[in-house]
Protein backbone atom coordinates (compact mmCIF):
# COMPACT_ATOMS: atom_id res chain seq x y z
CA MET A 1 38.44 45.95 -0.99
CA ARG A 2 41.80 47.88 0.01
CA PHE A 3 41.77 51.65 0.40
CA ARG A 4 45.21 53.45 0.19
CA GLY A 5 46.22 57.17 0.98
CA ARG A 6 48.72 58.92 -0.80
CA SER A 7 50.19 62.26 -0.87
CA TYR A 8 50.85 65.00 -3.60
CA MET A 9 52.66 68.40 -3.93
CA ALA A 10 50.13 70.82 -4.74
CA PHE A 11 50.52 74.61 -5.32
CA ALA A 12 48.40 77.00 -3.62
CA LEU A 13 47.09 80.34 -4.68
CA ALA A 14 45.71 82.62 -2.14
CA PRO A 15 43.58 85.44 -3.85
CA GLU A 16 43.41 88.98 -2.88
CA ALA A 17 40.69 91.84 -2.97
CA PRO A 18 40.04 93.17 -5.71
CA ILE A 19 39.94 90.04 -7.16
CA ALA A 20 39.97 91.43 -10.89
CA ASP A 21 43.16 93.04 -10.13
CA TRP A 22 44.31 89.71 -8.51
CA LEU A 23 43.23 88.13 -11.89
CA ALA A 24 45.52 90.51 -13.93
CA GLU A 25 48.59 90.01 -11.99
CA LEU A 26 48.42 86.24 -12.44
CA ASP A 27 47.87 87.05 -15.97
CA THR A 28 50.97 89.03 -15.71
CA TRP A 29 52.91 86.05 -14.51
CA ILE A 30 51.20 83.18 -16.37
CA ARG A 31 52.52 85.11 -19.60
CA SER A 32 55.77 85.37 -18.17
CA SER A 33 55.74 81.85 -17.44
CA SER A 34 54.15 79.70 -20.14
CA GLY A 35 53.05 76.82 -19.20
CA PHE A 36 53.37 76.81 -15.57
CA PHE A 37 50.28 75.50 -13.73
CA VAL A 38 49.40 73.27 -16.78
CA GLY A 39 49.34 69.60 -14.98
CA ARG A 40 49.94 70.61 -11.56
CA PRO A 41 47.62 70.49 -9.07
CA VAL A 42 46.77 73.26 -7.35
CA VAL A 43 44.74 74.44 -3.78
CA LEU A 44 42.70 77.98 -4.00
CA ASP A 45 42.87 78.99 -0.42
CA LEU A 46 40.19 81.83 0.14
CA SER A 47 40.67 82.59 3.77
CA GLY A 48 41.98 86.39 2.51
CA VAL A 49 38.85 87.01 0.97
CA LYS A 50 35.43 86.54 1.71
CA LEU A 51 33.21 85.20 -1.31
CA SER A 52 29.56 84.09 -1.75
CA GLY A 53 29.10 80.80 -3.10
CA GLY A 54 28.85 82.31 -6.60
CA ALA A 55 31.39 83.93 -6.71
CA VAL A 56 33.72 81.34 -5.57
CA ALA A 57 32.62 79.35 -8.63
CA HIS A 58 32.94 82.01 -11.03
CA LEU A 59 36.86 82.86 -9.73
CA VAL A 60 37.18 78.49 -10.40
CA LYS A 61 35.83 78.73 -13.71
CA GLU A 62 38.25 82.19 -14.47
CA LEU A 63 40.80 80.37 -13.23
CA GLU A 64 40.12 76.73 -15.54
CA SER A 65 40.22 79.47 -18.08
CA ARG A 66 43.86 79.90 -17.81
CA ASP A 67 44.51 75.96 -17.58
CA VAL A 68 44.79 76.11 -13.58
CA ARG A 69 42.93 73.41 -12.47
CA ILE A 70 41.72 73.74 -8.98
CA MET A 71 42.08 70.34 -6.82
CA GLY A 72 40.61 71.80 -3.82
CA LEU A 73 39.29 74.62 -1.64
CA GLU A 74 41.24 75.77 1.71
CA GLY A 75 40.14 78.63 4.32
CA LEU A 76 35.55 77.63 3.62
CA GLU A 77 33.22 75.85 5.93
CA ALA A 78 31.02 74.84 3.38
CA THR A 79 30.70 75.03 -0.30
CA GLU A 80 28.22 74.54 -3.26
CA PRO A 81 27.70 71.08 -5.60
CA GLY A 82 29.69 71.59 -8.48
CA LEU A 83 32.77 72.76 -6.77
CA PRO A 84 36.08 71.48 -5.75
CA PRO A 85 36.10 69.96 -1.91
CA ILE A 86 37.02 71.16 1.08
CA LEU A 87 40.75 70.39 2.10
CA LYS A 88 42.32 70.68 5.38
CA GLY A 89 45.37 70.04 6.84
CA GLY A 90 47.45 71.29 4.46
CA ARG A 91 51.12 71.08 5.23
CA ALA A 92 54.92 71.89 3.69
CA LEU A 93 56.57 68.43 2.28
CA SER A 94 60.03 68.35 1.31
CA ALA A 95 60.03 66.80 -2.13
CA ILE A 96 61.84 66.54 -5.77
CA ASP A 97 59.54 66.58 -8.62
CA ASN A 98 60.69 65.49 -12.11
CA ALA A 99 64.09 65.94 -11.08
CA ASP A 100 66.96 64.05 -12.83
CA PRO A 101 67.56 60.69 -10.74
CA ALA A 102 71.38 61.27 -10.59
CA SER A 103 70.30 64.93 -8.55
CA ARG A 104 68.16 63.25 -5.78
CA PRO A 105 69.23 62.81 -2.45
CA LYS A 106 69.82 59.44 -0.85
CA PRO A 107 67.33 58.52 1.80
CA ALA A 108 68.24 59.41 5.26
CA ALA A 109 67.93 56.58 8.03
CA PRO A 110 64.49 56.82 9.85
CA SER A 111 66.46 58.10 12.84
CA ALA A 112 68.51 60.78 11.07
CA PRO A 113 66.84 64.65 11.00
CA GLU A 114 65.39 65.64 7.27
CA PRO A 115 67.93 67.41 5.31
CA SER A 116 67.63 71.57 5.62
CA SER A 117 69.63 71.72 2.24
CA LEU A 118 69.57 70.23 -1.28
CA MET A 119 72.65 70.46 -3.46
CA ILE A 120 71.77 69.54 -7.20
CA GLY A 121 75.11 68.46 -8.93
CA THR A 122 73.91 68.66 -12.38
CA SER A 123 72.38 71.70 -14.98
CA VAL A 124 68.76 71.94 -14.11
CA ARG A 125 67.53 70.96 -17.65
CA SER A 126 64.28 72.38 -19.23
CA GLY A 127 61.31 71.03 -18.33
CA GLN A 128 62.93 69.48 -14.94
CA SER A 129 61.07 70.81 -11.83
CA ILE A 130 62.50 71.00 -8.49
CA VAL A 131 60.55 71.73 -5.23
CA PHE A 132 62.31 71.70 -1.77
CA PRO A 133 60.45 73.57 0.74
CA ALA A 134 62.74 72.36 3.79
CA GLY A 135 65.35 75.05 3.05
CA ASP A 136 68.32 76.39 0.40
CA VAL A 137 69.14 74.63 -2.77
CA THR A 138 72.23 74.81 -4.16
CA VAL A 139 72.83 74.05 -8.34
CA LEU A 140 76.60 73.48 -9.19
CA GLY A 141 75.49 73.74 -12.91
CA SER A 142 72.84 76.17 -14.56
CA ILE A 143 69.15 76.23 -14.59
CA ALA A 144 68.01 76.12 -18.15
CA SER A 145 65.20 78.00 -20.23
CA GLY A 146 61.80 76.54 -19.04
CA ALA A 147 63.31 74.98 -15.98
CA GLU A 148 62.74 76.04 -12.19
CA VAL A 149 63.62 75.71 -9.13
CA VAL A 150 61.63 76.17 -5.93
CA ALA A 151 62.99 76.22 -2.67
CA GLY A 152 61.92 76.90 1.05
CA GLY A 153 65.15 78.92 1.95
CA SER A 154 67.89 80.47 -0.36
CA ILE A 155 68.78 79.91 -4.06
CA HIS A 156 72.51 79.27 -5.07
CA VAL A 157 73.02 78.84 -9.08
CA TYR A 158 77.00 78.60 -9.77
CA GLY A 159 75.88 78.47 -13.43
CA ALA A 160 73.60 80.52 -15.48
CA LEU A 161 69.71 81.23 -14.08
CA ARG A 162 67.89 81.07 -17.30
CA GLY A 163 64.87 79.23 -16.07
CA ARG A 164 62.78 80.36 -13.39
CA ALA A 165 64.02 80.63 -9.41
CA MET A 166 61.42 80.48 -6.89
CA ALA A 167 63.04 81.14 -3.63
CA GLY A 168 61.38 81.44 0.34
CA SER A 169 58.28 79.55 -0.78
CA ASN A 170 57.11 78.67 3.00
CA GLY A 171 57.08 82.67 3.77
CA ASN A 172 60.82 83.05 3.99
CA ARG A 173 61.14 86.73 3.49
CA GLN A 174 65.06 86.45 4.40
CA ALA A 175 65.28 83.90 1.70
CA ARG A 176 67.75 85.27 -1.46
CA ILE A 177 68.82 84.32 -5.05
CA PHE A 178 72.50 84.22 -6.04
CA CYS A 179 73.74 83.22 -9.46
CA SER A 180 76.81 83.83 -11.35
CA LYS A 181 74.91 84.95 -14.98
CA ALA A 182 71.58 86.41 -14.65
CA GLU A 183 69.46 85.38 -17.76
CA ALA A 184 66.62 84.26 -15.81
CA GLU A 185 62.42 84.31 -16.92
CA LEU A 186 61.84 84.91 -13.65
CA MET A 187 63.33 85.71 -10.32
CA ALA A 188 60.50 85.66 -6.87
CA ILE A 189 60.91 85.37 -3.34
CA ASP A 190 58.12 84.58 -0.71
CA GLY A 191 55.37 85.80 -3.84
CA TYR A 192 57.07 88.79 -5.21
CA TYR A 193 58.73 88.44 -8.13
CA ARG A 194 60.39 90.10 -11.51
CA THR A 195 60.06 89.07 -14.97
CA ALA A 196 62.90 89.35 -17.43
CA GLU A 197 61.40 92.36 -19.56
CA HIS A 198 61.54 93.50 -15.48
CA ILE A 199 65.55 92.97 -14.43
CA ASP A 200 67.90 95.72 -15.80
CA ASP A 201 69.65 94.96 -19.24
CA GLU A 202 72.66 96.31 -17.30
CA LEU A 203 72.05 93.12 -15.11
CA ARG A 204 71.92 90.53 -17.77
CA ASN A 205 75.17 87.94 -18.12
CA ARG A 206 76.49 89.22 -14.53
CA PRO A 207 76.58 87.61 -11.01
CA VAL A 208 73.57 88.81 -9.24
CA GLN A 209 71.83 88.69 -6.53
CA ALA A 210 68.08 89.24 -5.47
CA TRP A 211 66.47 89.93 -1.92
CA LEU A 212 63.09 91.03 -0.61
CA ASP A 213 62.68 95.14 0.24
CA GLY A 214 59.57 95.75 2.03
CA GLU A 215 57.13 94.64 -0.68
CA ALA A 216 59.89 95.45 -3.83
CA LEU A 217 62.19 92.43 -4.97
CA ILE A 218 65.52 94.36 -5.52
CA VAL A 219 67.98 92.62 -8.28
CA ALA A 220 71.67 93.98 -7.99
CA ALA A 221 74.97 93.33 -9.14
CA LEU A 222 77.56 91.16 -7.30
CA ASP A 223 80.59 92.15 -8.77
C-alpha cells in the first residue's frame, strides 16, 4: 500500500463576533457573488472567536445551508465528533486555478526565485478563476462577468473589469485595483469589498482605482 500527499488551494473564512452579524455580511457577499463558494474547499478559522462545541457545530450547519462546505477547522485545540477535522500549518501557496493554459507562467528552474507577479496576456473568461497569492496580477485583456482574479498584491486590468477582483488576499492593505473600464461585480482589498450596487453610477464604464482608507474601500476615477 502506498500513501501520497497532496496539497490543495483552500479559502479561509474567519468569523467575527457577533456571529449573526457576520453571517448577515456573508449573505450579502453570496448574493452579490452567486456560486462563489460552490465546489471550493473552505477552511473555517475560529482563532478570532470563542465558541462552544455546539456553537461550532451550529455555525458549520449554517454555512453548509449556504453551500459553503467546510473541509477543516483552524484555531481550535480539540473538536467534537461529527465536525470537520482540525488543520494546522496552513500557509499561502502561489497557484492559478482553472486558468487558461496559455496564461499559465512557465515553471521556473529549481534554483530560480519564485515570481512575485503574474501577467495574463489574454482576457479572463467567464467561469475562470485565477489565484496568485504571491504578488501582483496584470491582465492585458478584460475580466469577464462571472470570472475572478485573486491576488496577494495589486490587480491591474488594461481592459474592462466586469467580474470580481480581490486584491491584498494575504493581508496586504497597501494593494490597489486599477482598471480601464469599471463594470465590476465586486471589488475587494484585504477582505473589505464593494459590490456593483455600492459603486457610484458615475464611475461606471470609466477608468478607476480602488484602495483602502482605514476600513473603507474607496473607488475613484482615474481620469
